[in-house]
Amino acid sequence: MLWQQFRVTGFRAVLVALIVVVTGIVASQKILFRYYLQHGIESVRSGEMEQAERYLAIAVRLDRDHPLPHAFLGMAALGRPAPGNREYFPDADYRAAIGAYEHALANDLREADRRLHRLAVQNTGYAYWKLGEYERAHEYFRNQITLYLDAFWPRYLLAVDLVNRFNQPEDALEILSPITEGISPDDDYRDVSENIFRAHTLLARLHLYFGDLKNVEKFSKLAIAHDADSGEIEIQVAHLTLALGYALQGNLVAALSEQGEAERLAERSGSPPRVYTCVTARLYQLTADYRRAINVAEERLAGREPSQLTDAFCLEAMIEAHVAGGNTPAAARYARAYLALADGFEAKNIFIQRNLSRYREQFSL
């Protein structure tokens, strides 16, 4: 009896000891996890990305399903941001970032940290976008727009693609228009207030497409007001869009003035002189000065095959000018040249797409 009692008591003692040991191990593992996670987060925030990856990799081994180390590994894979550079993440490993972020998102990151979830969805979409996987990028952009109505960059990048690649101007306008109602600058790429002019330029182009000249002027001027002397291409495009809007209203003087501003900014940014001459030809054509439109376009394209996006303005000006003058064979010849030029473009914007459809039907091409 005494022996049996001892055996039971001894067994319980061993069991309690084991529980204490296991509990201690689990507690120690949690302490270690928090240690490496915290140091990884601090390293990311200080820009020490390689060090961050080492800390976070250990945190992942200690708790594979916790979303936070994966989310910060995604940030580390993107690398240190470089605001103002052409590439915002110059050292990014976009594929690694996608893998880390998608693991975090699959493990309830939104419940763990809502702000980090917002950034993860945005960055994952951006990584796919940089890799040229646009449909996957758009899934993330649309998801973020649904979850976070004030999201700026997903709206803008999605609208850019719908305008420049996928020929969906109505959808682009619907997605981009809420930006004018006020978007919170809660973004980790760049401050929205420094980049809203890009959206204004795109909105001006969309309103030009739909013939809403009042909004063409409104949004072009909003973009230009951001920094009238900026070297950003969107400011040049805003001037050109405004010029086309003025020409459609018959105001050639104002149109040429805006085109001249675009030329000045382009030259100051290192472009060759008269880079937008074909836009001048289009302005003359839109204001019914057909002879001058043809002369300017022919001089610009003399001795070479059209090869640049701006050359499309010359061809369009000559097509429309010859149609207005009743010279259908010449118009058809330039329409064929327009189609050949557009075939060489990797992406065709909404204006190119519309002209292609129109010229194919108009000239049976």
Protein backbone atom coordinates (compact mmCIF):
# COMPACT_ATOMS: atom_id res chain seq x y z
CA MET A 1 0.00 0.00 0.00
CA LEU A 2 2.77 2.38 0.97
CA TRP A 3 4.67 1.42 -2.17
CA GLN A 4 1.65 2.05 -4.39
CA GLN A 5 1.10 5.43 -2.77
CA PHE A 6 4.74 6.29 -3.36
CA ARG A 7 4.45 5.23 -6.97
CA VAL A 8 1.41 7.46 -7.51
CA THR A 9 3.01 10.34 -5.68
CA GLY A 10 6.24 9.93 -7.63
CA PHE A 11 4.39 9.78 -10.93
CA ARG A 12 2.55 12.97 -10.08
CA ALA A 13 5.79 14.65 -9.14
CA VAL A 14 7.37 13.69 -12.44
CA LEU A 15 4.26 14.84 -14.31
CA VAL A 16 4.29 18.18 -12.51
CA ALA A 17 7.99 18.53 -13.24
CA LEU A 18 7.39 17.81 -16.92
CA ILE A 19 4.57 20.36 -17.04
CA VAL A 20 6.82 22.93 -15.42
CA VAL A 21 9.60 22.20 -17.91
CA VAL A 22 7.29 22.28 -20.92
CA THR A 23 5.60 25.44 -19.68
CA GLY A 24 9.00 26.98 -19.18
CA ILE A 25 10.06 25.99 -22.70
CA VAL A 26 6.88 27.44 -24.21
CA ALA A 27 7.26 30.61 -22.18
CA SER A 28 10.90 30.87 -23.17
CA GLN A 29 9.98 30.34 -26.82
CA LYS A 30 7.43 33.12 -26.64
CA ILE A 31 9.97 35.40 -24.99
CA LEU A 32 12.52 34.57 -27.71
CA PHE A 33 9.89 35.10 -30.42
CA ARG A 34 9.04 38.55 -29.07
CA TYR A 35 12.74 39.38 -28.78
CA TYR A 36 13.60 38.52 -32.38
CA LEU A 37 10.39 40.01 -33.75
CA GLN A 38 10.96 43.30 -31.95
CA HIS A 39 14.58 43.51 -33.08
CA GLY A 40 13.52 42.67 -36.63
CA ILE A 41 10.90 45.42 -36.60
CA GLU A 42 13.40 47.93 -35.23
CA SER A 43 15.90 46.95 -37.93
CA VAL A 44 13.31 47.43 -40.68
CA ARG A 45 12.39 50.84 -39.33
CA SER A 46 16.03 51.89 -39.18
CA GLY A 47 16.66 50.67 -42.74
CA GLU A 48 18.94 47.79 -41.75
CA MET A 49 17.19 45.29 -44.00
CA GLU A 50 19.74 42.46 -44.01
CA GLN A 51 19.90 42.49 -40.23
CA ALA A 52 16.11 42.62 -40.12
CA GLU A 53 15.86 39.52 -42.30
CA ARG A 54 18.13 37.59 -39.93
CA TYR A 55 16.07 38.49 -36.86
CA LEU A 56 12.74 37.90 -38.56
CA ALA A 57 13.80 34.55 -40.02
CA ILE A 58 14.45 33.30 -36.47
CA ALA A 59 11.09 34.70 -35.35
CA VAL A 60 9.41 32.74 -38.16
CA ARG A 61 11.09 29.51 -37.04
CA LEU A 62 9.82 30.11 -33.51
CA ASP A 63 6.23 30.79 -34.67
CA ARG A 64 5.67 29.99 -38.34
CA ASP A 65 2.02 31.05 -38.42
CA HIS A 66 2.29 34.42 -36.73
CA PRO A 67 1.61 37.09 -39.41
CA LEU A 68 3.81 39.90 -38.12
CA PRO A 69 7.29 38.53 -38.88
CA HIS A 70 6.14 37.63 -42.40
CA ALA A 71 4.72 41.11 -42.92
CA PHE A 72 7.97 42.76 -41.87
CA LEU A 73 9.94 40.28 -43.97
CA GLY A 74 7.91 41.61 -46.90
CA MET A 75 9.02 45.13 -46.03
CA ALA A 76 12.62 43.99 -45.71
CA ALA A 77 12.46 42.28 -49.12
CA LEU A 78 11.36 45.55 -50.72
CA GLY A 79 14.43 47.21 -49.27
CA ARG A 80 15.06 50.71 -48.15
CA PRO A 81 12.78 53.20 -49.97
CA ALA A 82 14.30 56.07 -51.92
CA PRO A 83 11.71 58.89 -52.17
CA GLY A 84 12.29 61.08 -55.20
CA ASN A 85 14.10 58.40 -57.18
CA ARG A 86 12.72 56.89 -60.37
CA GLU A 87 12.61 53.55 -58.55
CA TYR A 88 11.04 53.96 -55.13
CA PHE A 89 12.42 50.57 -54.01
CA PRO A 90 15.74 50.39 -55.90
CA ASP A 91 16.95 47.20 -54.16
CA ALA A 92 13.64 45.34 -54.07
CA ASP A 93 13.24 41.60 -54.39
CA TYR A 94 9.61 41.79 -55.45
CA ARG A 95 9.07 38.04 -55.66
CA ALA A 96 10.35 37.52 -52.11
CA ALA A 97 8.20 40.41 -50.90
CA ILE A 98 5.11 38.83 -52.46
CA GLY A 99 5.84 35.47 -50.79
CA ALA A 100 6.27 37.02 -47.36
CA TYR A 101 3.29 39.33 -47.60
CA GLU A 102 0.94 36.64 -48.91
CA HIS A 103 1.92 34.36 -46.01
CA ALA A 104 1.12 37.17 -43.58
CA LEU A 105 -2.20 37.93 -45.28
CA ALA A 106 -3.19 34.28 -45.20
CA ASN A 107 -2.66 34.24 -41.42
CA ASP A 108 -5.08 36.98 -40.36
CA LEU A 109 -2.74 39.95 -40.57
CA ARG A 110 -5.76 42.26 -40.56
CA GLU A 111 -6.71 41.04 -37.10
CA ALA A 112 -3.16 41.43 -35.83
CA ASP A 113 -2.47 44.91 -37.19
CA ARG A 114 -4.97 46.76 -39.39
CA ARG A 115 -2.55 49.44 -40.56
CA LEU A 116 0.09 46.87 -41.44
CA HIS A 117 -2.57 44.88 -43.30
CA ARG A 118 -3.38 47.94 -45.40
CA LEU A 119 0.27 48.39 -46.26
CA ALA A 120 0.74 44.68 -47.02
CA VAL A 121 -2.17 44.60 -49.48
CA GLN A 122 -0.86 47.74 -51.17
CA ASN A 123 2.75 46.56 -51.33
CA THR A 124 1.79 43.13 -52.64
CA GLY A 125 -0.21 44.73 -55.43
CA TYR A 126 2.65 47.10 -56.16
CA ALA A 127 5.15 44.21 -56.30
CA TYR A 128 2.99 42.35 -58.83
CA TRP A 129 2.61 45.61 -60.77
CA LYS A 130 6.39 46.12 -60.94
CA LEU A 131 6.79 42.54 -62.18
CA GLY A 132 4.32 43.23 -64.97
CA GLU A 133 1.71 40.83 -63.58
CA TYR A 134 -1.04 43.38 -63.95
CA GLU A 135 -4.10 41.20 -63.41
CA ARG A 136 -2.77 39.95 -60.07
CA ALA A 137 -1.80 43.51 -59.15
CA HIS A 138 -5.32 44.70 -59.96
CA GLU A 139 -6.84 42.06 -57.69
CA TYR A 140 -4.92 43.53 -54.75
CA PHE A 141 -5.60 47.13 -55.79
CA ARG A 142 -9.34 46.49 -56.04
CA ASN A 143 -9.30 44.64 -52.75
CA GLN A 144 -7.65 47.56 -51.02
CA ILE A 145 -10.05 50.06 -52.58
CA THR A 146 -12.94 47.97 -51.24
CA LEU A 147 -11.48 47.68 -47.74
CA TYR A 148 -10.00 51.17 -47.51
CA LEU A 149 -12.03 53.67 -49.50
CA ASP A 150 -9.45 56.44 -49.06
CA ALA A 151 -6.60 54.45 -50.64
CA PHE A 152 -4.71 56.70 -53.06
CA TRP A 153 -1.99 54.66 -54.74
CA PRO A 154 -4.12 51.60 -55.59
CA ARG A 155 -6.71 53.87 -57.20
CA TYR A 156 -4.09 55.76 -59.16
CA LEU A 157 -2.05 52.78 -60.37
CA LEU A 158 -5.15 50.81 -61.32
CA ALA A 159 -6.54 53.80 -63.24
CA VAL A 160 -3.18 54.28 -65.01
CA ASP A 161 -3.35 50.72 -66.30
CA LEU A 162 -7.01 50.99 -67.31
CA VAL A 163 -6.13 54.11 -69.35
CA ASN A 164 -2.75 53.10 -70.77
CA ARG A 165 -3.11 49.32 -71.18
CA PHE A 166 -6.60 47.92 -70.89
CA ASN A 167 -8.82 50.45 -72.68
CA GLN A 168 -11.35 50.85 -69.87
CA PRO A 169 -11.83 54.62 -69.58
CA GLU A 170 -15.26 54.48 -67.87
CA ASP A 171 -13.95 52.19 -65.13
CA ALA A 172 -10.82 54.34 -64.76
CA LEU A 173 -12.86 57.51 -64.29
CA GLU A 174 -15.10 55.84 -61.70
CA ILE A 175 -12.09 54.56 -59.75
CA LEU A 176 -10.10 57.78 -59.89
CA SER A 177 -12.84 60.37 -59.32
CA PRO A 178 -13.13 59.84 -55.51
CA ILE A 179 -9.60 61.23 -55.21
CA THR A 180 -11.09 64.67 -55.85
CA GLU A 181 -13.28 64.24 -52.78
CA GLY A 182 -10.29 64.04 -50.47
CA ILE A 183 -7.95 61.14 -49.83
CA SER A 184 -6.24 60.61 -46.50
CA PRO A 185 -2.43 60.80 -46.78
CA ASP A 186 -2.14 57.49 -44.93
CA ASP A 187 0.41 55.97 -47.27
CA ASP A 188 3.90 54.58 -46.86
CA TYR A 189 5.19 55.16 -50.40
CA ARG A 190 5.17 58.92 -50.59
CA ASP A 191 3.04 61.59 -49.10
CA VAL A 192 -0.15 61.84 -51.13
CA SER A 193 -0.09 65.62 -51.16
CA GLU A 194 3.17 65.48 -53.13
CA ASN A 195 1.72 63.16 -55.75
CA ILE A 196 -1.92 64.13 -56.15
CA PHE A 197 -0.96 66.08 -59.30
CA ARG A 198 -0.40 62.76 -61.07
CA ALA A 199 -4.03 61.84 -60.49
CA HIS A 200 -5.14 65.31 -61.61
CA THR A 201 -3.26 64.90 -64.90
CA LEU A 202 -4.80 61.50 -65.47
CA LEU A 203 -8.27 62.87 -64.70
CA ALA A 204 -7.67 65.68 -67.21
CA ARG A 205 -6.78 63.10 -69.87
CA LEU A 206 -9.90 61.08 -69.10
CA HIS A 207 -12.12 64.15 -69.34
CA LEU A 208 -10.43 65.03 -72.65
CA TYR A 209 -11.30 61.54 -73.90
CA PHE A 210 -14.96 62.08 -72.97
CA GLY A 211 -15.03 65.65 -74.33
CA ASP A 212 -15.67 67.31 -70.95
CA LEU A 213 -13.60 70.41 -71.67
CA LYS A 214 -14.56 72.20 -68.46
CA ASN A 215 -13.02 69.42 -66.39
CA VAL A 216 -10.06 69.18 -68.75
CA GLU A 217 -9.20 72.76 -67.84
CA LYS A 218 -9.98 72.25 -64.15
CA PHE A 219 -7.79 69.21 -63.59
CA SER A 220 -4.98 70.28 -65.91
CA LYS A 221 -4.64 73.53 -63.99
CA LEU A 222 -4.77 71.70 -60.64
CA ALA A 223 -1.87 69.52 -61.79
CA ILE A 224 0.15 72.45 -63.10
CA ALA A 225 -0.45 74.42 -59.89
CA HIS A 226 1.39 71.69 -57.97
CA ASP A 227 4.70 72.95 -59.38
CA ALA A 228 4.67 74.97 -62.59
CA ASP A 229 8.42 74.48 -63.08
CA SER A 230 8.53 70.80 -62.25
CA GLY A 231 10.41 68.42 -64.51
CA GLU A 232 7.85 65.69 -63.90
CA ILE A 233 6.42 64.29 -67.13
CA GLU A 234 2.88 64.54 -65.73
CA ILE A 235 3.21 68.34 -65.58
CA GLN A 236 4.23 68.40 -69.24
CA VAL A 237 1.29 66.14 -70.10
CA ALA A 238 -1.03 68.45 -68.13
CA HIS A 239 0.09 71.39 -70.29
CA LEU A 240 -0.41 69.36 -73.47
CA THR A 241 -3.84 68.15 -72.34
CA LEU A 242 -4.86 71.71 -71.56
CA ALA A 243 -3.54 72.78 -74.99
CA LEU A 244 -5.70 70.17 -76.72
CA GLY A 245 -8.68 71.29 -74.66
CA TYR A 246 -8.16 74.91 -75.71
CA ALA A 247 -7.78 73.88 -79.36
CA LEU A 248 -11.08 71.99 -79.21
CA GLN A 249 -12.63 75.28 -78.04
CA GLY A 250 -11.03 77.10 -80.98
CA ASN A 251 -8.54 79.03 -78.87
CA LEU A 252 -5.32 78.49 -80.82
CA VAL A 253 -3.34 81.22 -79.03
CA ALA A 254 -3.93 79.68 -75.61
CA ALA A 255 -3.33 76.20 -77.00
CA LEU A 256 0.07 77.12 -78.47
CA SER A 257 1.03 78.85 -75.22
CA GLU A 258 0.42 75.65 -73.23
CA GLN A 259 2.25 73.56 -75.79
CA GLY A 260 5.18 75.97 -75.54
CA GLU A 261 5.28 75.54 -71.76
CA ALA A 262 5.43 71.77 -72.20
CA GLU A 263 8.33 72.19 -74.65
CA ARG A 264 10.18 74.45 -72.22
CA LEU A 265 9.84 71.98 -69.36
CA ALA A 266 10.83 69.06 -71.57
CA GLU A 267 14.01 70.77 -72.79
CA ARG A 268 14.92 71.76 -69.25
CA SER A 269 14.55 68.10 -68.25
CA GLY A 270 16.96 66.97 -70.99
CA SER A 271 14.64 66.16 -73.87
CA PRO A 272 15.67 67.21 -77.40
CA PRO A 273 14.27 70.50 -78.75
CA ARG A 274 10.79 70.55 -80.24
CA VAL A 275 9.91 67.14 -78.85
CA TYR A 276 6.20 68.06 -78.92
CA THR A 277 6.10 69.50 -82.44
CA CYS A 278 3.57 66.86 -83.51
CA VAL A 279 1.21 68.19 -80.86
CA THR A 280 1.53 71.57 -82.58
CA ALA A 281 0.38 69.95 -85.83
CA ARG A 282 -2.62 68.50 -84.01
CA LEU A 283 -3.47 71.91 -82.52
CA TYR A 284 -3.51 73.48 -86.00
CA GLN A 285 -5.69 70.67 -87.30
CA LEU A 286 -8.17 70.97 -84.42
CA THR A 287 -8.51 74.71 -85.11
CA ALA A 288 -9.08 74.01 -88.84
CA ASP A 289 -5.74 75.38 -90.10
CA TYR A 290 -5.27 72.23 -92.17
CA ARG A 291 -2.48 73.42 -94.49
CA ARG A 292 -0.29 74.46 -91.58
CA ALA A 293 -1.09 71.22 -89.72
CA ILE A 294 0.05 69.16 -92.72
CA ASN A 295 3.18 71.25 -93.25
CA VAL A 296 4.28 71.00 -89.61
CA ALA A 297 3.62 67.25 -89.50
CA GLU A 298 5.37 66.52 -92.80
CA GLU A 299 8.41 68.55 -91.76
CA ARG A 300 8.58 66.71 -88.43
CA LEU A 301 8.39 63.25 -90.01
CA ALA A 302 10.53 64.05 -93.08
CA GLY A 303 13.11 61.38 -93.89
CA ARG A 304 12.13 58.89 -91.19
CA GLU A 305 9.51 56.35 -90.27
CA PRO A 306 7.17 57.29 -87.40
CA SER A 307 8.40 55.46 -84.30
CA GLN A 308 7.49 57.47 -81.21
CA LEU A 309 4.25 58.00 -79.33
CA THR A 310 4.34 61.72 -80.12
CA ASP A 311 4.51 60.85 -83.85
CA ALA A 312 0.95 59.59 -83.54
CA PHE A 313 -0.16 63.22 -83.16
CA CYS A 314 1.44 64.08 -86.51
CA LEU A 315 -0.23 61.15 -88.26
CA GLU A 316 -3.59 61.91 -86.64
CA ALA A 317 -3.32 65.56 -87.69
CA MET A 318 -2.58 64.60 -91.29
CA ILE A 319 -5.36 61.99 -91.43
CA GLU A 320 -7.98 64.44 -90.18
CA ALA A 321 -6.66 67.35 -92.25
CA HIS A 322 -6.73 65.30 -95.46
CA VAL A 323 -10.20 64.00 -94.66
CA ALA A 324 -11.38 67.60 -94.15
CA GLY A 325 -9.80 68.55 -97.46
CA GLY A 326 -11.42 65.65 -99.31
CA ASN A 327 -8.14 63.82 -100.03
CA THR A 328 -9.24 60.35 -98.93
CA PRO A 329 -6.31 58.42 -100.51
CA ALA A 330 -3.78 60.51 -98.59
CA ALA A 331 -5.79 60.13 -95.40
CA ALA A 332 -5.92 56.35 -95.88
CA ARG A 333 -2.16 56.24 -96.47
CA TYR A 334 -1.49 57.99 -93.19
CA ALA A 335 -4.08 55.84 -91.43
CA ARG A 336 -2.12 52.74 -92.49
CA ALA A 337 1.04 54.37 -91.14
CA TYR A 338 -0.83 55.06 -87.88
CA LEU A 339 -1.82 51.40 -87.55
CA ALA A 340 1.75 50.30 -88.25
CA LEU A 341 3.07 52.69 -85.62
CA ALA A 342 0.55 51.55 -83.01
CA ASP A 343 1.36 47.89 -83.66
CA GLY A 344 4.84 48.56 -82.32
CA PHE A 345 3.60 49.90 -78.98
CA GLU A 346 3.72 47.43 -76.09
CA ALA A 347 0.78 49.24 -74.48
CA LYS A 348 -1.88 51.26 -76.28
CA ASN A 349 -3.69 54.00 -74.41
CA ILE A 350 -7.38 54.81 -74.73
CA PHE A 351 -6.81 57.47 -77.42
CA ILE A 352 -4.73 55.11 -79.56
CA GLN A 353 -7.29 52.34 -79.14
CA ARG A 354 -10.16 54.58 -80.16
CA ASN A 355 -8.30 55.83 -83.24
CA LEU A 356 -7.37 52.30 -84.28
CA SER A 357 -11.00 51.21 -84.21
CA ARG A 358 -12.14 54.32 -86.02
CA TYR A 359 -9.51 54.22 -88.77
CA ARG A 360 -9.99 50.50 -89.41
CA GLU A 361 -13.69 51.09 -89.94
CA GLN A 362 -13.38 54.42 -91.75
CA PHE A 363 -10.78 53.26 -94.26
CA SER A 364 -11.62 49.52 -94.31
CA LEU A 365 -8.15 48.61 -93.05
